[in-house]
Protein backbone atom coordinates (compact mmCIF):
# COMPACT_ATOMS: atom_id res chain seq x y z
CA MET A 1 -0.17 -0.21 0.12
CA ASN A 2 1.58 3.42 -0.87
CA CYS A 3 1.71 5.41 2.42
CA TRP A 4 1.63 8.40 0.65
CA SER A 5 -1.77 7.78 -0.78
CA LEU A 6 -3.09 6.38 2.45
CA SER A 7 -2.12 9.23 4.37
CA LEU A 8 -4.05 11.76 2.09
CA GLY A 9 -7.08 9.86 2.47
CA LEU A 10 -6.92 9.20 6.17
CA VAL A 11 -5.81 12.64 7.40
CA LEU A 12 -5.88 15.34 5.10
CA GLY A 13 -8.36 14.15 2.42
CA VAL A 14 -8.35 13.65 -1.37
CA LEU A 15 -6.14 16.16 -2.89
CA VAL A 16 -7.92 18.54 -5.32
CA LEU A 17 -7.15 18.06 -9.11
CA ARG A 18 -7.62 20.51 -11.30
CA GLU A 19 -7.39 19.87 -15.03
CA ALA A 20 -5.19 22.06 -16.93
CA THR A 21 -3.40 21.70 -20.29
CA ALA A 22 -0.52 19.51 -19.16
CA HIS A 23 -0.75 19.70 -15.42
CA THR A 24 -2.17 18.86 -12.50
CA HIS A 25 -2.35 21.08 -9.44
CA HIS A 26 -1.60 19.80 -5.86
CA LEU A 27 -2.19 22.74 -4.01
CA HIS A 28 0.60 21.87 -1.77
CA ASN A 29 -1.37 19.15 0.20
CA ALA A 30 -4.87 18.42 1.16
CA GLN A 31 -4.11 20.40 4.58
CA LYS A 32 -4.27 23.72 2.48
CA GLU A 33 -7.28 23.21 0.67
CA ARG A 34 -9.55 25.51 0.74
CA GLU A 35 -13.16 25.34 1.82
CA ALA A 36 -16.24 26.87 -0.40
CA ASP A 37 -16.04 29.67 2.23
CA GLY A 38 -11.96 30.26 1.46
CA GLY A 39 -10.70 29.03 4.65
CA ARG A 40 -8.31 26.42 4.99
CA THR A 41 -9.41 22.72 5.67
CA ALA A 42 -9.14 22.17 9.64
CA ARG A 43 -6.80 19.60 10.76
CA ASP A 44 -9.84 17.18 12.54
CA HIS A 45 -11.90 17.68 8.87
CA GLY A 46 -11.51 13.98 8.07
CA HIS A 47 -12.29 12.59 12.14
CA TYR A 48 -16.01 12.26 11.04
CA THR A 49 -17.25 11.81 7.71
CA ASN A 50 -21.02 11.46 6.88
CA GLY A 51 -21.30 10.93 10.47
CA GLU A 52 -18.95 7.58 10.39
CA HIS A 53 -16.05 8.20 12.89
CA ASN A 54 -12.53 7.83 11.97
CA ALA A 55 -10.23 6.00 14.48
CA ASP A 56 -7.42 6.83 12.62
CA PHE A 57 -7.45 10.52 13.27
CA ASP A 58 -7.42 9.54 17.08
CA HIS A 59 -3.98 7.25 16.52
CA GLU A 60 -2.26 9.90 14.81
CA ALA A 61 -3.27 12.89 17.56
CA ILE A 62 -1.54 10.43 20.02
CA LEU A 63 1.74 9.06 17.87
CA GLY A 64 2.28 12.43 15.66
CA SER A 65 2.90 10.62 12.59
CA VAL A 66 0.72 8.87 9.95
CA LYS A 67 3.74 6.43 8.74
CA ASP A 68 3.85 5.20 12.52
CA ALA A 69 -0.03 4.70 12.76
CA GLU A 70 -0.08 2.64 9.56
CA GLU A 71 3.04 0.47 10.90
CA TYR A 72 0.86 -0.22 13.92
CA ASP A 73 -1.49 -2.51 11.77
CA GLN A 74 1.44 -5.50 12.41
CA LEU A 75 1.60 -4.93 15.84
CA PRO A 76 -0.33 -7.54 18.37
CA ALA A 77 -2.39 -5.89 20.95
CA MET A 78 -0.24 -6.72 23.99
CA GLU A 79 2.89 -5.32 22.25
CA ALA A 80 0.58 -2.24 21.17
CA LYS A 81 -0.22 -1.84 25.04
CA ARG A 82 3.66 -2.20 25.98
CA ARG A 83 4.47 0.57 23.60
CA LEU A 84 1.78 2.86 24.43
CA GLU A 85 2.46 2.42 27.96
CA ILE A 86 6.22 4.23 27.04
CA LEU A 87 4.30 7.03 25.48
CA LEU A 88 2.07 7.29 28.67
CA VAL A 89 5.37 7.74 30.68
CA LYS A 90 6.51 10.52 28.49
CA MET A 91 2.77 12.10 28.30
CA ASP A 92 2.81 12.27 32.41
CA ARG A 93 4.64 15.34 33.06
CA ASP A 94 3.81 15.24 36.75
CA ASN A 95 4.77 11.62 37.27
CA ASP A 96 1.26 10.65 39.02
CA LYS A 97 0.34 7.62 36.68
CA HIS A 98 -2.36 9.58 35.48
CA ILE A 99 -2.88 12.01 32.19
CA ASP A 100 -4.95 14.98 32.94
CA ARG A 101 -6.52 17.21 30.16
CA LYS A 102 -3.47 19.50 30.19
CA GLU A 103 -0.94 16.93 29.59
CA LEU A 104 -3.18 15.23 26.87
CA HIS A 105 -3.61 18.69 25.16
CA SER A 106 0.02 19.49 25.28
CA TRP A 107 0.62 16.03 23.57
CA ILE A 108 -2.17 16.20 20.76
CA LEU A 109 -0.41 19.77 20.18
CA ARG A 110 2.67 18.32 19.70
CA SER A 111 1.43 15.63 17.82
CA PHE A 112 -0.01 17.98 15.28
CA ARG A 113 2.94 19.89 14.72
CA MET A 114 4.83 16.74 14.03
CA LEU A 115 2.18 15.79 11.53
CA SER A 116 2.45 19.15 9.55
CA GLU A 117 6.27 18.63 9.59
CA GLU A 118 5.74 14.80 7.97
CA GLU A 119 3.36 16.12 5.32
CA SER A 120 5.64 19.07 4.54
CA SER A 121 8.73 16.88 4.64
CA GLU A 122 6.90 14.47 2.11
CA ARG A 123 5.80 17.30 -0.02
CA MET A 124 9.19 19.07 -0.25
CA ASP A 125 10.80 15.32 -1.13
CA GLU A 126 8.51 15.39 -4.39
CA VAL A 127 9.17 19.16 -5.38
CA ASP A 128 12.81 19.23 -4.58
CA GLU A 129 14.01 17.86 -7.90
CA ASP A 130 17.75 18.24 -7.46
CA GLU A 131 17.56 16.89 -3.95
CA ASP A 132 19.81 19.49 -2.39
CA GLY A 133 17.37 20.33 0.27
CA TYR A 134 16.19 23.35 -0.89
CA VAL A 135 12.78 23.95 -3.00
CA THR A 136 13.36 27.06 -5.47
CA TRP A 137 10.21 28.66 -7.22
CA ALA A 138 11.40 27.19 -10.61
CA GLU A 139 11.42 23.52 -9.03
CA TYR A 140 8.01 24.33 -7.44
CA ILE A 141 6.21 25.39 -10.29
CA ALA A 142 7.59 22.84 -12.41
CA GLU A 143 5.97 19.94 -10.22
CA THR A 144 2.98 21.71 -9.38
CA TYR A 145 1.90 23.91 -12.15
CA GLY A 146 3.73 21.81 -14.73
CA ILE A 147 5.47 25.24 -15.84
CA LYS A 148 9.05 24.03 -16.86
CA ASP A 149 10.16 27.91 -17.53
CA PRO A 150 9.52 30.46 -14.76
CA GLU A 151 9.06 33.02 -17.69
CA ASP A 152 6.57 30.89 -19.22
CA GLN A 153 3.50 32.67 -19.32
CA GLN A 154 1.53 30.40 -21.46
CA LEU A 155 -0.50 29.52 -18.59
CA LEU A 156 -1.67 32.81 -17.17
CA ASP A 157 -2.70 33.62 -21.08
CA GLN A 158 -5.38 31.15 -20.97
CA GLU A 159 -8.92 32.34 -20.33
CA ASP A 160 -10.13 29.01 -19.00
CA GLN A 161 -7.76 29.02 -16.55
CA VAL A 162 -8.67 32.10 -14.16
CA GLU A 163 -8.47 29.83 -10.98
CA GLU A 164 -5.22 28.74 -12.03
CA GLN A 165 -3.56 32.25 -12.41
CA ARG A 166 -4.93 33.35 -8.78
CA LEU A 167 -3.55 30.31 -7.08
CA LEU A 168 -0.25 30.72 -9.02
CA ARG A 169 -0.09 34.35 -7.77
CA GLU A 170 -1.35 33.51 -4.37
CA ASP A 171 1.41 30.77 -3.95
CA ARG A 172 4.24 33.22 -5.10
CA GLN A 173 3.24 35.39 -2.63
CA LEU A 174 3.37 32.75 0.10
CA PHE A 175 6.58 31.35 -1.38
CA ASN A 176 8.39 35.09 -0.93
CA ALA A 177 6.95 35.48 2.70
CA ALA A 178 8.22 32.37 3.50
CA ASP A 179 11.91 32.62 2.05
CA LYS A 180 12.84 34.76 5.32
CA ASN A 181 16.49 34.97 4.26
CA ILE A 182 15.65 36.28 0.85
CA ASP A 183 17.99 33.63 -1.04
CA GLY A 184 14.91 32.74 -3.80
CA ARG A 185 14.80 29.35 -2.17
CA LEU A 186 13.32 27.36 0.59
CA ASP A 187 14.71 25.30 3.24
CA ASP A 188 13.04 22.70 5.37
CA MET A 189 11.41 25.04 7.65
CA GLU A 190 10.43 27.74 5.44
CA PHE A 191 9.03 25.22 3.26
CA LEU A 192 6.83 24.18 6.46
CA ALA A 193 5.43 27.91 6.66
CA PHE A 194 4.94 27.91 3.06
CA SER A 195 2.88 24.66 2.82
CA HIS A 196 1.48 24.75 6.20
CA PRO A 197 0.93 28.49 7.20
CA GLU A 198 -1.09 27.71 10.20
CA GLU A 199 2.27 26.63 11.78
CA SER A 200 3.56 30.35 11.22
CA PRO A 201 1.70 33.52 12.54
CA ASP A 202 4.04 35.43 9.90
CA MET A 203 2.08 33.89 7.14
CA LEU A 204 -1.48 35.28 8.35
CA PRO A 205 -1.46 38.55 7.22
CA ILE A 206 -0.47 37.19 3.54
CA ILE A 207 -3.64 35.01 3.83
CA LEU A 208 -5.92 37.27 5.33
CA GLN A 209 -4.75 39.85 2.14
CA GLN A 210 -5.19 37.36 -0.29
CA THR A 211 -8.97 36.75 0.97
CA LEU A 212 -9.91 40.30 0.89
CA GLU A 213 -8.32 40.82 -2.38
CA GLU A 214 -10.47 37.79 -3.66
CA LYS A 215 -13.99 38.13 -1.76
CA ASP A 216 -14.17 42.00 -0.61
CA THR A 217 -15.47 43.29 -3.62
CA ASN A 218 -16.96 46.59 -2.45
CA ASN A 219 -13.54 47.29 -0.60
CA ASP A 220 -14.46 47.86 2.76
CA GLY A 221 -12.15 45.60 4.75
CA LEU A 222 -14.99 43.70 5.58
CA ILE A 223 -16.86 40.44 3.84
CA ASP A 224 -20.56 40.25 4.08
CA PHE A 225 -22.20 37.36 3.41
CA GLN A 226 -22.91 37.82 -0.42
CA GLU A 227 -18.84 38.28 -0.24
CA TYR A 228 -18.63 35.28 1.69
CA ILE A 229 -20.38 32.61 -0.53
CA GLY A 230 -19.17 34.42 -3.62
CA ASP A 231 -20.00 33.11 -6.50
CA LYS A 232 -22.35 30.27 -5.20
CA GLY A 233 -24.70 33.15 -4.59
CA THR A 234 -25.84 32.99 -8.17
CA ASN A 235 -26.07 29.10 -8.50
CA LEU A 236 -28.73 28.99 -5.04
CA LYS A 237 -31.86 29.72 -6.48
CA THR A 238 -32.66 26.18 -6.84
CA ASN A 239 -31.54 24.98 -3.56
CA ILE A 240 -32.03 28.20 -1.53
CA SER A 241 -33.91 26.67 1.23
CA ASN A 242 -30.88 23.83 1.80
CA GLU A 243 -27.51 25.20 0.64
CA GLU A 244 -27.92 29.14 1.43
CA ASP A 245 -29.39 28.00 5.21
CA GLN A 246 -26.16 26.06 5.55
CA ASP A 247 -23.98 28.52 4.38
CA ARG A 248 -25.85 31.11 6.51
CA ARG A 249 -25.26 29.39 9.93
CA LYS A 250 -21.53 29.07 9.00
CA PHE A 251 -21.54 32.82 8.28
CA GLU A 252 -23.19 33.39 11.41
CA GLU A 253 -20.63 31.29 13.44
CA HIS A 254 -17.95 33.61 12.31
CA ASP A 255 -19.72 36.49 12.84
CA LEU A 256 -18.88 36.79 16.40
CA ASP A 257 -20.11 40.30 17.13
CA GLY A 258 -23.34 39.77 15.05
CA ASP A 259 -22.88 42.78 12.69
CA ASN A 260 -23.42 40.66 9.39
CA ALA A 261 -19.92 41.22 8.40
CA LEU A 262 -16.57 39.62 8.95
CA ASN A 263 -13.89 41.70 10.40
CA ILE A 264 -10.01 40.71 10.34
CA VAL A 265 -10.20 38.79 13.75
CA GLU A 266 -13.35 36.92 12.71
CA MET A 267 -11.68 36.06 9.18
CA GLN A 268 -8.65 34.87 10.95
CA ARG A 269 -10.86 32.03 12.70
CA PHE A 270 -12.10 30.61 9.78
CA LEU A 271 -9.20 31.40 7.44
CA ILE A 272 -6.81 29.11 9.41
CA PRO A 273 -8.74 27.26 12.28
CA THR A 274 -6.76 26.88 15.48
CA ASN A 275 -5.25 23.61 16.49
CA LEU A 276 -5.76 25.11 20.12
CA ASP A 277 -9.86 24.24 19.76
CA ILE A 278 -9.18 21.21 17.49
CA ALA A 279 -6.90 19.65 20.30
CA GLU A 280 -9.19 20.73 23.03
CA ASP A 281 -12.01 18.68 21.32
CA GLU A 282 -10.05 15.76 20.96
CA VAL A 283 -9.19 15.74 24.66
CA ASP A 284 -12.96 15.76 25.23
CA HIS A 285 -13.32 12.72 22.69
CA LEU A 286 -10.62 10.87 24.11
CA PHE A 287 -12.01 11.81 27.72
CA ALA A 288 -15.57 10.44 26.87
CA ALA A 289 -14.07 7.25 25.45
CA ALA A 290 -11.72 6.17 28.35
CA ASP A 291 -12.58 8.03 31.54
CA ASP A 292 -14.55 4.87 32.97
CA ASP A 293 -14.93 6.18 36.56
CA ASN A 294 -15.39 9.91 35.51
CA ASP A 295 -12.96 11.40 37.62
CA ASP A 296 -11.83 13.52 34.91
CA LEU A 297 -8.46 12.00 34.77
CA LEU A 298 -7.36 8.98 32.60
CA SER A 299 -5.12 6.60 34.47
CA PHE A 300 -2.41 4.53 32.72
CA LEU A 301 -4.77 1.57 33.22
CA GLU A 302 -7.88 3.31 31.91
CA ILE A 303 -5.75 3.97 28.53
CA LEU A 304 -4.52 0.78 28.11
CA ASP A 305 -7.59 -1.00 28.83
CA HIS A 306 -8.88 1.41 25.61
CA HIS A 307 -5.59 1.36 23.83
CA ASP A 308 -7.80 0.57 20.44
CA VAL A 309 -9.10 4.18 20.92
CA PHE A 310 -5.55 5.86 21.25
CA VAL A 311 -3.20 3.65 19.13
CA GLY A 312 -5.23 0.87 17.57
CA SER A 313 -3.59 -2.79 17.62
CA GLU A 314 -0.83 -1.42 14.97
CA ALA A 315 2.87 -0.78 15.33
CA THR A 316 5.03 1.89 15.40
CA ASP A 317 8.71 2.44 14.20
CA TYR A 318 9.92 2.12 17.94
CA GLY A 319 13.32 4.05 17.77
CA ASP A 320 12.30 6.61 15.52
CA HIS A 321 9.17 7.32 17.97
CA LEU A 322 11.67 7.35 21.10
CA HIS A 323 13.68 10.12 19.09
CA ASN A 324 10.63 12.12 18.42
CA LEU A 325 9.71 11.83 22.31
CA ASP A 326 12.79 13.37 23.19
CA ARG A 327 11.97 16.17 20.91
CA PHE A 328 8.72 16.48 22.77
CA ASP A 329 10.60 17.04 26.16
CA ASP A 330 12.85 20.01 24.40
CA GLU A 331 9.59 21.70 23.30
CA LEU A 332 7.71 21.80 26.59
């Protein structure tokens, strides 16, 4: 089974494939896919699909690696429990043999960061054609857009490629913003900021500006409901009672002050969903599944009894993950 294909399918969703004359646009990776409202896809978008729970999300939230979660498929339950207990010792910051909500929240945030790094590393390997550890703009657009010559404007001259034109412009802006030392190429940390801007606060102003340029048609610095739904507004006449109601509810969720317009702060919340809230939701989910005595603590025994919720009966690369645990010590 192809790990890259599986990881996209289980964690990040299916890549958006856009037909062009001779290329496929990857949109960096599916974590950066746009929703219909223009926001980036949230980390937990694959946790539930059509009401069905995806346990892989929980496993990856604990292990911090799609690859490691996949390897658990080969591990017997007893061995999975033994290795999970090793993780619990690291997770248990106060050494009381229980995992409280704060400890679990910190661990999940660390896992989300590691997942972003793993995704970015895999994407960088695809793009870094000369394997020198850097990604140039020429390498990126060659692999992503099929433009072999950065000076080639053929794509931009095609009237039916308006969406591609916008994506190319936005990618260039993000590339330049991520290139902190302005050397025309991205190292692994710069590429992480480019491919996962939610991991880099410095990227947020660029994304906000891009959104305003795309949606703020009256240039008032706000996004009203019609601007929020964009072109969908002209296609809602036949399904107005259903689809528009859904869009209206989502808009009202983002419109915190109820003034029928999204300001900069409100835009930020839907453009790049915060992992803090997603991790908090995952903590609630795991506690609901494993806190058998309802004391608002997870004992090691409770977690091991519900090991299938946390890691399943699958095998991880023991040495590599212990190395990652050392990284967790450094980060806290």
